Amino acid sequence: MLRTLLAPRLVALHLLVIGVLVSFTFLGRWQLGVFEASGAPKRAPDPAPVAVTELAQVGQHVNGTAISRRVTATGTYDAAHQLLVADRVADVAAPGGRAAQGDGFWLLTPLRLADGTVVPVVRGWVARADAPAAAVPEGTVTVTGRLRPAEQTDDVMRSGNLPAGQVATVSTAELINLWPDAQVRDGFVVATAQEPPTRVTPVAVSPPTLGSGFNWRNLAYALQWWIFALFAVYMWFHFVRDALRGRREREQEPERAPGEPGPLEPQPSESQLSEPQSSGLQPPEPRSPEPRSPGPQPSEPAAHVEA
């Protein structure tokens, strides 16, 4: 068996099948990666910053085209109404609440604009509530950041009752109750830059993205490559099986010496030769000469008589 499997023809077949398996497996994995990447959000156009008053209104929800847009706002912070968003990390996309319990705080400060309305601003992140960087700057400030929609009160798993001055989410509905004397614009701004500068750690916020569906054709391509690989294994199995079967059949045949004649046909015996043939034909009998019919005979020439 081993001699058959290591025959040059089968060795070439083994190498060919291995190459096909490796190639088709990687091709299928590549198509699967393309399929997975097709469903990932893609970066949308990121226009220049606009005034926050153009995108965030009082009593109106921030729509999809305004989410993560760059905005600017100029006003003064209301230090008396600053809040700490508990159990958060320095990333807007990271989960909060019980998933980030004890990881730090967002500094949520109302920014009062010239028209009297208020924009909630996440100025940055601090590890402790009593961190010196949590102090609110005085005077007029200009904030540049990205606009985010208001969070829902059930977006995080709460870890229990929070102390006064702390909240679990940045919810416009909740802020209206906590800042009753202010006209709060919907959503909140995650500051990326500020004038004058601040010492707090900025909270990471991603640019706007476009959602896209999966490209199922690439998944079908991946399955096709893997099916081709399985078919190659199937054909290899059949070739090897036929080769082993043929070798066993050759080994089971009786061995014959070189030059030895094959089996002869049986020859008839003498008695069989002397007996009449089975066909019933008899040897022809001797035939007697047929009698000649009378008739004119040629006359012999008469003797010449001399006178």
Protein backbone atom coordinates (compact mmCIF):
# COMPACT_ATOMS: atom_id res chain seq x y z
CA MET A 1 0.00 0.00 0.00
CA LEU A 2 2.76 2.44 0.92
CA ARG A 3 4.57 1.69 -2.33
CA THR A 4 1.42 2.55 -4.26
CA LEU A 5 0.83 5.78 -2.33
CA LEU A 6 4.42 6.85 -2.97
CA ALA A 7 4.35 6.13 -6.65
CA PRO A 8 5.51 9.15 -8.69
CA ARG A 9 2.07 9.65 -10.25
CA LEU A 10 0.31 9.65 -6.88
CA VAL A 11 2.97 11.80 -5.23
CA ALA A 12 2.33 14.44 -7.87
CA LEU A 13 -1.39 14.10 -7.16
CA HIS A 14 -0.81 14.55 -3.41
CA LEU A 15 1.19 17.74 -3.97
CA LEU A 16 -1.42 19.09 -6.38
CA VAL A 17 -4.25 18.49 -3.90
CA ILE A 18 -2.30 20.12 -1.06
CA GLY A 19 -1.68 23.19 -3.23
CA VAL A 20 -5.35 23.35 -4.18
CA LEU A 21 -6.47 23.06 -0.56
CA VAL A 22 -4.14 25.81 0.65
CA SER A 23 -5.02 28.14 -2.22
CA PHE A 24 -8.78 27.62 -2.07
CA THR A 25 -8.84 27.94 1.71
CA PHE A 26 -7.07 31.29 1.60
CA LEU A 27 -9.24 32.50 -1.29
CA GLY A 28 -12.36 31.61 0.67
CA ARG A 29 -11.01 33.36 3.76
CA TRP A 30 -10.25 36.45 1.66
CA GLN A 31 -13.79 36.57 0.31
CA LEU A 32 -15.14 36.11 3.83
CA GLY A 33 -13.06 39.08 4.99
CA VAL A 34 -14.47 41.18 2.15
CA PHE A 35 -17.97 40.14 3.22
CA GLU A 36 -17.32 41.11 6.84
CA ALA A 37 -15.80 44.45 5.82
CA SER A 38 -18.79 45.26 3.62
CA GLY A 39 -21.02 45.53 6.69
CA ALA A 40 -18.70 47.83 8.62
CA PRO A 41 -19.69 51.51 8.82
CA LYS A 42 -17.91 53.71 6.34
CA ARG A 43 -16.73 57.23 6.96
CA ALA A 44 -19.11 59.87 5.67
CA PRO A 45 -18.14 63.31 4.39
CA ASP A 46 -17.00 65.51 7.28
CA PRO A 47 -17.86 69.13 6.48
CA ALA A 48 -16.32 72.15 8.14
CA PRO A 49 -17.63 73.12 11.59
CA VAL A 50 -20.90 75.05 11.78
CA ALA A 51 -22.59 76.87 14.63
CA VAL A 52 -24.32 74.50 17.01
CA THR A 53 -27.50 76.56 16.70
CA GLU A 54 -27.91 75.34 13.10
CA LEU A 55 -28.12 71.68 14.07
CA ALA A 56 -29.39 71.52 17.66
CA GLN A 57 -32.75 73.06 18.52
CA VAL A 58 -34.89 73.36 21.61
CA GLY A 59 -37.61 70.74 21.65
CA GLN A 60 -36.45 69.02 18.45
CA HIS A 61 -34.41 65.86 18.27
CA VAL A 62 -31.04 65.85 16.56
CA ASN A 63 -31.55 64.11 13.21
CA GLY A 64 -29.28 61.57 11.54
CA THR A 65 -27.37 63.95 9.27
CA ALA A 66 -26.34 66.10 12.24
CA ILE A 67 -24.93 63.28 14.35
CA SER A 68 -21.16 63.58 14.84
CA ARG A 69 -21.00 66.77 12.77
CA ARG A 70 -18.38 69.29 13.85
CA VAL A 71 -19.88 72.32 15.56
CA THR A 72 -18.71 75.40 17.39
CA ALA A 73 -20.30 77.20 20.29
CA THR A 74 -19.33 80.37 22.16
CA GLY A 75 -20.66 81.26 25.58
CA THR A 76 -20.04 80.91 29.30
CA TYR A 77 -20.11 77.80 31.44
CA ASP A 78 -22.60 77.51 34.28
CA ALA A 79 -20.36 76.11 37.00
CA ALA A 80 -23.20 75.83 39.53
CA HIS A 81 -25.04 73.25 37.41
CA GLN A 82 -22.08 71.10 36.29
CA LEU A 83 -22.81 67.35 36.50
CA LEU A 84 -20.64 64.24 36.54
CA VAL A 85 -21.63 61.36 34.28
CA ALA A 86 -20.58 58.42 36.42
CA ASP A 87 -18.96 55.15 35.34
CA ARG A 88 -17.60 56.29 32.00
CA VAL A 89 -14.33 55.96 30.11
CA ALA A 90 -12.78 58.53 27.79
CA ASP A 91 -14.68 57.24 24.75
CA VAL A 92 -18.20 58.06 23.68
CA ALA A 93 -18.68 54.69 22.00
CA ALA A 94 -17.61 52.68 25.09
CA PRO A 95 -20.37 51.22 27.29
CA GLY A 96 -21.08 52.93 30.58
CA GLY A 97 -22.95 52.13 33.76
CA ARG A 98 -22.19 48.82 35.40
CA ALA A 99 -19.88 47.84 32.50
CA ALA A 100 -17.53 50.71 33.42
CA GLN A 101 -18.22 50.99 37.13
CA GLY A 102 -15.52 53.02 38.89
CA ASP A 103 -13.66 53.92 35.68
CA GLY A 104 -14.14 57.69 35.90
CA PHE A 105 -16.47 60.56 35.04
CA TRP A 106 -17.46 62.77 32.16
CA LEU A 107 -17.62 66.46 32.96
CA LEU A 108 -21.04 67.62 31.75
CA THR A 109 -21.30 71.41 31.92
CA PRO A 110 -24.08 73.65 30.54
CA LEU A 111 -22.80 76.25 28.10
CA ARG A 112 -25.06 79.28 27.98
CA LEU A 113 -25.14 80.90 24.55
CA ALA A 114 -25.75 84.54 23.67
CA ASP A 115 -29.44 83.86 22.93
CA GLY A 116 -29.97 82.44 26.41
CA THR A 117 -30.29 78.81 25.38
CA VAL A 118 -28.08 76.12 26.90
CA VAL A 119 -26.01 73.48 25.15
CA PRO A 120 -24.82 70.50 27.25
CA VAL A 121 -21.07 70.10 26.73
CA VAL A 122 -18.96 67.09 27.73
CA ARG A 123 -15.76 69.00 28.45
CA GLY A 124 -13.62 65.93 29.09
CA TRP A 125 -12.91 63.00 31.39
CA VAL A 126 -11.47 62.79 34.92
CA ALA A 127 -10.60 59.76 36.99
CA ARG A 128 -11.97 61.17 40.28
CA ALA A 129 -14.82 63.48 41.11
CA ASP A 130 -12.53 65.75 43.11
CA ALA A 131 -9.85 66.03 40.43
CA PRO A 132 -8.50 69.61 40.08
CA ALA A 133 -9.12 69.49 36.33
CA ALA A 134 -12.86 69.30 37.03
CA ALA A 135 -12.88 73.01 37.91
CA VAL A 136 -15.01 75.01 35.46
CA PRO A 137 -13.17 77.79 33.59
CA GLU A 138 -14.56 81.27 33.95
CA GLY A 139 -15.32 83.82 31.28
CA THR A 140 -16.26 83.38 27.67
CA VAL A 141 -15.08 80.22 25.99
CA THR A 142 -15.27 78.88 22.45
CA VAL A 143 -15.83 75.16 22.18
CA THR A 144 -15.24 73.04 19.10
CA GLY A 145 -16.54 69.51 19.12
CA ARG A 146 -18.94 66.98 17.64
CA LEU A 147 -22.68 66.90 18.16
CA ARG A 148 -24.15 63.73 19.61
CA PRO A 149 -27.80 62.72 20.07
CA ALA A 150 -29.23 62.56 23.57
CA GLU A 151 -28.80 59.24 25.33
CA GLN A 152 -31.77 57.26 26.57
CA THR A 153 -32.15 56.68 30.28
CA ASP A 154 -32.01 52.90 29.73
CA ASP A 155 -28.88 52.94 27.56
CA VAL A 156 -26.73 51.75 30.47
CA MET A 157 -27.16 49.22 33.27
CA ARG A 158 -27.20 51.32 36.39
CA SER A 159 -25.11 50.22 39.33
CA GLY A 160 -27.40 51.77 41.94
CA ASN A 161 -28.38 55.20 43.20
CA LEU A 162 -25.86 57.91 42.39
CA PRO A 163 -24.83 60.75 44.70
CA ALA A 164 -26.17 64.22 44.13
CA GLY A 165 -24.56 65.96 41.18
CA GLN A 166 -24.05 62.71 39.26
CA VAL A 167 -26.05 61.15 36.42
CA ALA A 168 -25.80 57.90 34.51
CA THR A 169 -26.62 59.22 31.03
CA VAL A 170 -26.68 62.47 29.08
CA SER A 171 -30.42 62.57 28.58
CA THR A 172 -32.10 65.78 27.46
CA ALA A 173 -35.32 64.78 29.21
CA GLU A 174 -33.44 64.36 32.49
CA LEU A 175 -31.42 67.56 32.04
CA ILE A 176 -34.61 69.61 31.60
CA ASN A 177 -35.60 68.56 35.12
CA LEU A 178 -32.13 69.17 36.55
CA TRP A 179 -31.75 72.56 34.84
CA PRO A 180 -35.32 73.86 35.08
CA ASP A 181 -34.45 77.49 34.45
CA ALA A 182 -32.68 76.81 31.13
CA GLN A 183 -33.87 76.25 27.59
CA VAL A 184 -31.87 73.13 26.79
CA ARG A 185 -31.04 72.33 23.19
CA ASP A 186 -31.33 68.69 22.26
CA GLY A 187 -28.25 66.48 22.17
CA PHE A 188 -24.84 67.37 23.58
CA VAL A 189 -21.45 68.47 22.31
CA VAL A 190 -18.32 66.40 22.97
CA ALA A 191 -15.53 68.97 23.10
CA THR A 192 -12.42 68.29 21.02
CA ALA A 193 -10.84 71.71 21.48
CA GLN A 194 -11.46 74.78 23.62
CA GLU A 195 -10.28 78.34 23.87
CA PRO A 196 -8.84 78.99 26.38
CA PRO A 197 -7.35 75.46 26.57
CA THR A 198 -8.42 73.00 29.26
CA ARG A 199 -6.42 70.44 31.24
CA VAL A 200 -9.00 67.65 31.21
CA THR A 201 -8.58 64.50 29.14
CA PRO A 202 -10.63 64.78 25.92
CA VAL A 203 -13.34 62.20 25.34
CA ALA A 204 -12.83 60.34 22.06
CA VAL A 205 -15.62 60.77 19.53
CA SER A 206 -15.73 59.32 16.01
CA PRO A 207 -16.54 61.26 12.84
CA PRO A 208 -19.84 60.64 11.04
CA THR A 209 -20.26 57.28 9.37
CA LEU A 210 -22.52 55.76 6.77
CA GLY A 211 -24.19 52.47 7.51
CA SER A 212 -23.98 49.86 4.76
CA GLY A 213 -25.43 46.41 4.32
CA PHE A 214 -23.51 43.19 3.88
CA ASN A 215 -22.47 42.15 0.39
CA TRP A 216 -23.84 38.60 0.37
CA ARG A 217 -22.23 37.84 -2.98
CA ASN A 218 -18.79 37.73 -1.33
CA LEU A 219 -20.09 35.22 1.21
CA ALA A 220 -21.31 33.04 -1.67
CA TYR A 221 -17.86 33.31 -3.28
CA ALA A 222 -16.23 32.17 -0.04
CA LEU A 223 -18.52 29.14 0.17
CA GLN A 224 -17.78 28.28 -3.46
CA TRP A 225 -14.02 28.24 -2.87
CA TRP A 226 -14.43 25.94 0.12
CA ILE A 227 -16.78 23.64 -1.80
CA PHE A 228 -14.17 23.41 -4.56
CA ALA A 229 -11.59 22.43 -1.95
CA LEU A 230 -13.86 19.65 -0.64
CA PHE A 231 -14.43 18.45 -4.20
CA ALA A 232 -10.67 18.24 -4.72
CA VAL A 233 -10.39 16.03 -1.63
CA TYR A 234 -13.23 13.87 -2.95
CA MET A 235 -11.49 13.37 -6.31
CA TRP A 236 -8.15 12.65 -4.61
CA PHE A 237 -9.83 9.95 -2.51
CA HIS A 238 -11.28 8.28 -5.60
CA PHE A 239 -7.96 8.33 -7.50
CA VAL A 240 -6.11 6.80 -4.54
CA ARG A 241 -8.80 4.19 -3.98
CA ASP A 242 -8.74 3.11 -7.63
CA ALA A 243 -4.95 2.87 -7.58
CA LEU A 244 -4.99 0.64 -4.47
CA ARG A 245 -7.78 -1.50 -5.88
CA GLY A 246 -5.90 -2.03 -9.14
CA ARG A 247 -2.76 -3.06 -7.30
CA ARG A 248 -4.66 -5.63 -5.20
CA GLU A 249 -6.21 -7.11 -8.33
CA ARG A 250 -2.80 -7.45 -9.97
CA GLU A 251 -1.39 -9.15 -6.88
CA GLN A 252 -4.23 -11.70 -6.81
CA GLU A 253 -3.57 -12.89 -10.41
CA PRO A 254 -1.45 -16.18 -10.65
CA GLU A 255 2.16 -15.46 -11.37
CA ARG A 256 3.54 -16.75 -14.73
CA ALA A 257 7.19 -17.22 -15.59
CA PRO A 258 8.55 -15.14 -18.44
CA GLY A 259 8.14 -16.95 -21.80
CA GLU A 260 5.76 -19.54 -20.39
CA PRO A 261 2.95 -20.26 -22.89
CA GLY A 262 -0.56 -19.77 -21.83
CA PRO A 263 -3.04 -22.63 -21.31
CA LEU A 264 -3.55 -24.79 -24.46
CA GLU A 265 -6.89 -25.81 -25.83
CA PRO A 266 -7.76 -29.58 -25.47
CA GLN A 267 -6.84 -31.68 -28.58
CA PRO A 268 -9.11 -34.53 -29.85
CA SER A 269 -7.96 -38.10 -29.13
CA GLU A 270 -7.30 -40.81 -31.78
CA SER A 271 -10.57 -42.55 -31.03
CA GLN A 272 -12.40 -39.29 -31.56
CA LEU A 273 -10.62 -38.83 -34.87
CA SER A 274 -11.56 -42.40 -36.04
CA GLU A 275 -15.22 -41.96 -35.18
CA PRO A 276 -17.57 -40.34 -37.66
CA GLN A 277 -18.09 -36.72 -37.16
CA SER A 278 -21.04 -35.69 -35.10
CA SER A 279 -22.42 -33.87 -38.08
CA GLY A 280 -23.50 -37.22 -39.68
CA LEU A 281 -21.57 -36.79 -42.95
CA GLN A 282 -20.21 -40.08 -44.44
CA PRO A 283 -17.13 -40.38 -46.63
CA PRO A 284 -18.05 -40.61 -50.32
CA GLU A 285 -18.43 -44.18 -51.78
CA PRO A 286 -16.35 -45.20 -54.84
CA ARG A 287 -18.22 -44.73 -58.07
CA SER A 288 -18.18 -47.43 -60.90
CA PRO A 289 -17.51 -46.34 -64.48
CA GLU A 290 -20.66 -45.62 -66.36
CA PRO A 291 -21.42 -47.93 -69.45
CA ARG A 292 -20.87 -46.35 -72.74
CA SER A 293 -23.92 -46.04 -74.90
CA PRO A 294 -23.88 -47.81 -78.40
CA GLY A 295 -23.39 -45.56 -81.27
CA PRO A 296 -21.51 -45.20 -84.44
CA GLN A 297 -17.94 -46.05 -83.98
CA PRO A 298 -15.31 -44.44 -85.96
CA SER A 299 -14.47 -46.75 -88.88
CA GLU A 300 -11.01 -48.00 -89.18
CA PRO A 301 -9.34 -47.32 -92.48
CA ALA A 302 -9.71 -50.29 -94.92
CA ALA A 303 -6.64 -52.16 -95.87
CA HIS A 304 -5.30 -51.25 -99.21
CA VAL A 305 -5.72 -54.21 -101.57
CA GLU A 306 -3.45 -54.34 -104.44
CA ALA A 307 -4.94 -55.32 -107.71
